[in-house]
Amino acid sequence: MEPADEHKKFTTAVGHLFYDFGQHVLCPVYRRHKELVPDELKGELL
């Protein structure tokens, strides 16, 4: 079992990874191809 501070660092790193993926891959695709935007994201600024 890992210490609590190491677990927090890992979860933060994974969160940053998903955020960066969305910003650099998904948002440009959604801007160019509006038909691919999921219903949950429609109406939000991309």
PDB file of N, CA and C in Angstrom:
ATOM      1  N   MET A   1       0.848  -1.179   0.000  1.00  0.00           N
ATOM      2  CA  MET A   1       0.000   0.000   0.000  1.00  0.00           C
ATOM      3  C   MET A   1       0.892   1.241   0.000  1.00  0.00           C
ATOM      4  N   GLU A   2       0.531   2.194  -0.800  1.00  0.00           N
ATOM      5  CA  GLU A   2       1.339   3.401  -0.892  1.00  0.00           C
ATOM      6  C   GLU A   2       0.842   4.464   0.092  1.00  0.00           C
ATOM      7  N   PRO A   3       1.714   5.365   0.502  1.00  0.00           N
ATOM      8  CA  PRO A   3       1.321   6.431   1.423  1.00  0.00           C
ATOM      9  C   PRO A   3       0.287   7.359   0.783  1.00  0.00           C
ATOM     10  N   ALA A   4      -0.456   8.059   1.614  1.00  0.00           N
ATOM     11  CA  ALA A   4      -1.539   8.934   1.137  1.00  0.00           C
ATOM     12  C   ALA A   4      -1.015  10.047   0.231  1.00  0.00           C
ATOM     13  N   ASP A   5       0.162  10.596   0.559  1.00  0.00           N
ATOM     14  CA  ASP A   5       0.673  11.685  -0.273  1.00  0.00           C
ATOM     15  C   ASP A   5       1.067  11.196  -1.662  1.00  0.00           C
ATOM     16  N   GLU A   6       1.572   9.975  -1.759  1.00  0.00           N
ATOM     17  CA  GLU A   6       1.907   9.408  -3.071  1.00  0.00           C
ATOM     18  C   GLU A   6       0.638   9.143  -3.877  1.00  0.00           C
ATOM     19  N   HIS A   7      -0.407   8.694  -3.228  1.00  0.00           N
ATOM     20  CA  HIS A   7      -1.685   8.453  -3.911  1.00  0.00           C
ATOM     21  C   HIS A   7      -2.248   9.762  -4.448  1.00  0.00           C
ATOM     22  N   LYS A   8      -2.145  10.821  -3.638  1.00  0.00           N
ATOM     23  CA  LYS A   8      -2.645  12.123  -4.086  1.00  0.00           C
ATOM     24  C   LYS A   8      -1.846  12.619  -5.294  1.00  0.00           C
ATOM     25  N   LYS A   9      -0.533  12.458  -5.276  1.00  0.00           N
ATOM     26  CA  LYS A   9       0.302  12.871  -6.416  1.00  0.00           C
ATOM     27  C   LYS A   9      -0.093  12.103  -7.681  1.00  0.00           C
ATOM     28  N   PHE A  10      -0.332  10.805  -7.522  1.00  0.00           N
ATOM     29  CA  PHE A  10      -0.705   9.980  -8.666  1.00  0.00           C
ATOM     30  C   PHE A  10      -2.055  10.417  -9.231  1.00  0.00           C
ATOM     31  N   THR A  11      -3.035  10.631  -8.363  1.00  0.00           N
ATOM     32  CA  THR A  11      -4.362  11.038  -8.850  1.00  0.00           C
ATOM     33  C   THR A  11      -4.299  12.408  -9.509  1.00  0.00           C
ATOM     34  N   THR A  12      -3.500  13.309  -8.975  1.00  0.00           N
ATOM     35  CA  THR A  12      -3.339  14.625  -9.592  1.00  0.00           C
ATOM     36  C   THR A  12      -2.699  14.501 -10.967  1.00  0.00           C
ATOM     37  N   ALA A  13      -1.692  13.659 -11.090  1.00  0.00           N
ATOM     38  CA  ALA A  13      -1.017  13.462 -12.379  1.00  0.00           C
ATOM     39  C   ALA A  13      -1.981  12.886 -13.419  1.00  0.00           C
ATOM     40  N   VAL A  14      -2.793  11.933 -13.015  1.00  0.00           N
ATOM     41  CA  VAL A  14      -3.768  11.347 -13.942  1.00  0.00           C
ATOM     42  C   VAL A  14      -4.794  12.398 -14.359  1.00  0.00           C
ATOM     43  N   GLY A  15      -5.228  13.230 -13.432  1.00  0.00           N
ATOM     44  CA  GLY A  15      -6.170  14.304 -13.760  1.00  0.00           C
ATOM     45  C   GLY A  15      -5.585  15.276 -14.763  1.00  0.00           C
ATOM     46  N   HIS A  16      -4.313  15.643 -14.567  1.00  0.00           N
ATOM     47  CA  HIS A  16      -3.647  16.541 -15.517  1.00  0.00           C
ATOM     48  C   HIS A  16      -3.528  15.890 -16.893  1.00  0.00           C
ATOM     49  N   LEU A  17      -3.263  14.605 -16.912  1.00  0.00           N
ATOM     50  CA  LEU A  17      -3.144  13.882 -18.171  1.00  0.00           C
ATOM     51  C   LEU A  17      -4.451  13.927 -18.953  1.00  0.00           C
ATOM     52  N   PHE A  18      -5.579  13.642 -18.286  1.00  0.00           N
ATOM     53  CA  PHE A  18      -6.877  13.680 -18.958  1.00  0.00           C
ATOM     54  C   PHE A  18      -7.237  15.088 -19.407  1.00  0.00           C
ATOM     55  N   TYR A  19      -6.926  16.072 -18.582  1.00  0.00           N
ATOM     56  CA  TYR A  19      -7.217  17.456 -18.947  1.00  0.00           C
ATOM     57  C   TYR A  19      -6.431  17.860 -20.192  1.00  0.00           C
ATOM     58  N   ASP A  20      -5.139  17.571 -20.195  1.00  0.00           N
ATOM     59  CA  ASP A  20      -4.303  17.916 -21.344  1.00  0.00           C
ATOM     60  C   ASP A  20      -4.749  17.196 -22.607  1.00  0.00           C
ATOM     61  N   PHE A  21      -5.137  15.940 -22.469  1.00  0.00           N
ATOM     62  CA  PHE A  21      -5.635  15.189 -23.622  1.00  0.00           C
ATOM     63  C   PHE A  21      -6.863  15.883 -24.202  1.00  0.00           C
ATOM     64  N   GLY A  22      -7.768  16.285 -23.343  1.00  0.00           N
ATOM     65  CA  GLY A  22      -8.972  16.966 -23.809  1.00  0.00           C
ATOM     66  C   GLY A  22      -8.670  18.284 -24.492  1.00  0.00           C
ATOM     67  N   GLN A  23      -7.747  19.049 -23.918  1.00  0.00           N
ATOM     68  CA  GLN A  23      -7.422  20.358 -24.477  1.00  0.00           C
ATOM     69  C   GLN A  23      -6.683  20.266 -25.805  1.00  0.00           C
ATOM     70  N   HIS A  24      -5.794  19.314 -25.934  1.00  0.00           N
ATOM     71  CA  HIS A  24      -4.940  19.265 -27.115  1.00  0.00           C
ATOM     72  C   HIS A  24      -5.441  18.333 -28.212  1.00  0.00           C
ATOM     73  N   VAL A  25      -6.343  17.426 -27.880  1.00  0.00           N
ATOM     74  CA  VAL A  25      -6.820  16.478 -28.886  1.00  0.00           C
ATOM     75  C   VAL A  25      -8.317  16.646 -29.128  1.00  0.00           C
ATOM     76  N   LEU A  26      -9.110  16.554 -28.069  1.00  0.00           N
ATOM     77  CA  LEU A  26     -10.559  16.550 -28.265  1.00  0.00           C
ATOM     78  C   LEU A  26     -11.131  17.913 -28.646  1.00  0.00           C
ATOM     79  N   CYS A  27     -10.712  18.976 -27.995  1.00  0.00           N
ATOM     80  CA  CYS A  27     -11.288  20.292 -28.295  1.00  0.00           C
ATOM     81  C   CYS A  27     -11.071  20.716 -29.744  1.00  0.00           C
ATOM     82  N   PRO A  28      -9.867  20.573 -30.303  1.00  0.00           N
ATOM     83  CA  PRO A  28      -9.709  20.936 -31.724  1.00  0.00           C
ATOM     84  C   PRO A  28     -10.575  20.084 -32.656  1.00  0.00           C
ATOM     85  N   VAL A  29     -10.724  18.808 -32.334  1.00  0.00           N
ATOM     86  CA  VAL A  29     -11.570  17.935 -33.161  1.00  0.00           C
ATOM     87  C   VAL A  29     -13.019  18.389 -33.068  1.00  0.00           C
ATOM     88  N   TYR A  30     -13.478  18.679 -31.855  1.00  0.00           N
ATOM     89  CA  TYR A  30     -14.865  19.125 -31.682  1.00  0.00           C
ATOM     90  C   TYR A  30     -15.117  20.468 -32.357  1.00  0.00           C
ATOM     91  N   ARG A  31     -14.112  21.352 -32.387  1.00  0.00           N
ATOM     92  CA  ARG A  31     -14.288  22.641 -33.055  1.00  0.00           C
ATOM     93  C   ARG A  31     -14.466  22.465 -34.554  1.00  0.00           C
ATOM     94  N   ARG A  32     -13.751  21.521 -35.129  1.00  0.00           N
ATOM     95  CA  ARG A  32     -13.808  21.319 -36.586  1.00  0.00           C
ATOM     96  C   ARG A  32     -14.973  20.433 -37.010  1.00  0.00           C
ATOM     97  N   HIS A  33     -15.413  19.549 -36.129  1.00  0.00           N
ATOM     98  CA  HIS A  33     -16.461  18.587 -36.468  1.00  0.00           C
ATOM     99  C   HIS A  33     -17.565  18.641 -35.419  1.00  0.00           C
ATOM    100  N   LYS A  34     -18.448  19.601 -35.592  1.00  0.00           N
ATOM    101  CA  LYS A  34     -19.518  19.841 -34.610  1.00  0.00           C
ATOM    102  C   LYS A  34     -20.419  18.622 -34.403  1.00  0.00           C
ATOM    103  N   GLU A  35     -20.523  17.764 -35.405  1.00  0.00           N
ATOM    104  CA  GLU A  35     -21.404  16.596 -35.296  1.00  0.00           C
ATOM    105  C   GLU A  35     -20.861  15.553 -34.323  1.00  0.00           C
ATOM    106  N   LEU A  36     -19.586  15.631 -33.952  1.00  0.00           N
ATOM    107  CA  LEU A  36     -18.989  14.672 -33.027  1.00  0.00           C
ATOM    108  C   LEU A  36     -19.126  15.083 -31.561  1.00  0.00           C
ATOM    109  N   VAL A  37     -19.602  16.302 -31.306  1.00  0.00           N
ATOM    110  CA  VAL A  37     -19.720  16.785 -29.930  1.00  0.00           C
ATOM    111  C   VAL A  37     -20.809  15.995 -29.216  1.00  0.00           C
ATOM    112  N   PRO A  38     -20.486  15.378 -28.056  1.00  0.00           N
ATOM    113  CA  PRO A  38     -21.497  14.655 -27.296  1.00  0.00           C
ATOM    114  C   PRO A  38     -22.590  15.597 -26.792  1.00  0.00           C
ATOM    115  N   ASP A  39     -23.781  15.070 -26.607  1.00  0.00           N
ATOM    116  CA  ASP A  39     -24.905  15.885 -26.156  1.00  0.00           C
ATOM    117  C   ASP A  39     -24.609  16.600 -24.842  1.00  0.00           C
ATOM    118  N   GLU A  40     -23.815  15.970 -23.951  1.00  0.00           N
ATOM    119  CA  GLU A  40     -23.519  16.562 -22.649  1.00  0.00           C
ATOM    120  C   GLU A  40     -22.688  17.837 -22.789  1.00  0.00           C
ATOM    121  N   LEU A  41     -21.929  17.969 -23.878  1.00  0.00           N
ATOM    122  CA  LEU A  41     -21.048  19.109 -24.066  1.00  0.00           C
ATOM    123  C   LEU A  41     -21.645  20.187 -24.961  1.00  0.00           C
ATOM    124  N   LYS A  42     -22.743  19.892 -25.600  1.00  0.00           N
ATOM    125  CA  LYS A  42     -23.339  20.872 -26.507  1.00  0.00           C
ATOM    126  C   LYS A  42     -23.794  22.093 -25.704  1.00  0.00           C
ATOM    127  N   GLY A  43     -23.485  23.245 -26.212  1.00  0.00           N
ATOM    128  CA  GLY A  43     -23.828  24.496 -25.541  1.00  0.00           C
ATOM    129  C   GLY A  43     -22.691  25.054 -24.717  1.00  0.00           C
ATOM    130  N   GLU A  44     -21.667  24.245 -24.408  1.00  0.00           N
ATOM    131  CA  GLU A  44     -20.504  24.737 -23.680  1.00  0.00           C
ATOM    132  C   GLU A  44     -19.491  25.273 -24.666  1.00  0.00           C
ATOM    133  N   LEU A  45     -18.673  26.208 -24.219  1.00  0.00           N
ATOM    134  CA  LEU A  45     -17.624  26.754 -25.078  1.00  0.00           C
ATOM    135  C   LEU A  45     -16.495  25.762 -25.193  1.00  0.00           C
ATOM    136  N   LEU A  46     -16.040  25.507 -26.398  1.00  0.00           N
ATOM    137  CA  LEU A  46     -14.901  24.599 -26.592  1.00  0.00           C
ATOM    138  C   LEU A  46     -13.726  25.369 -27.105  1.00  0.00           C
TER     139      LEU A  46
END
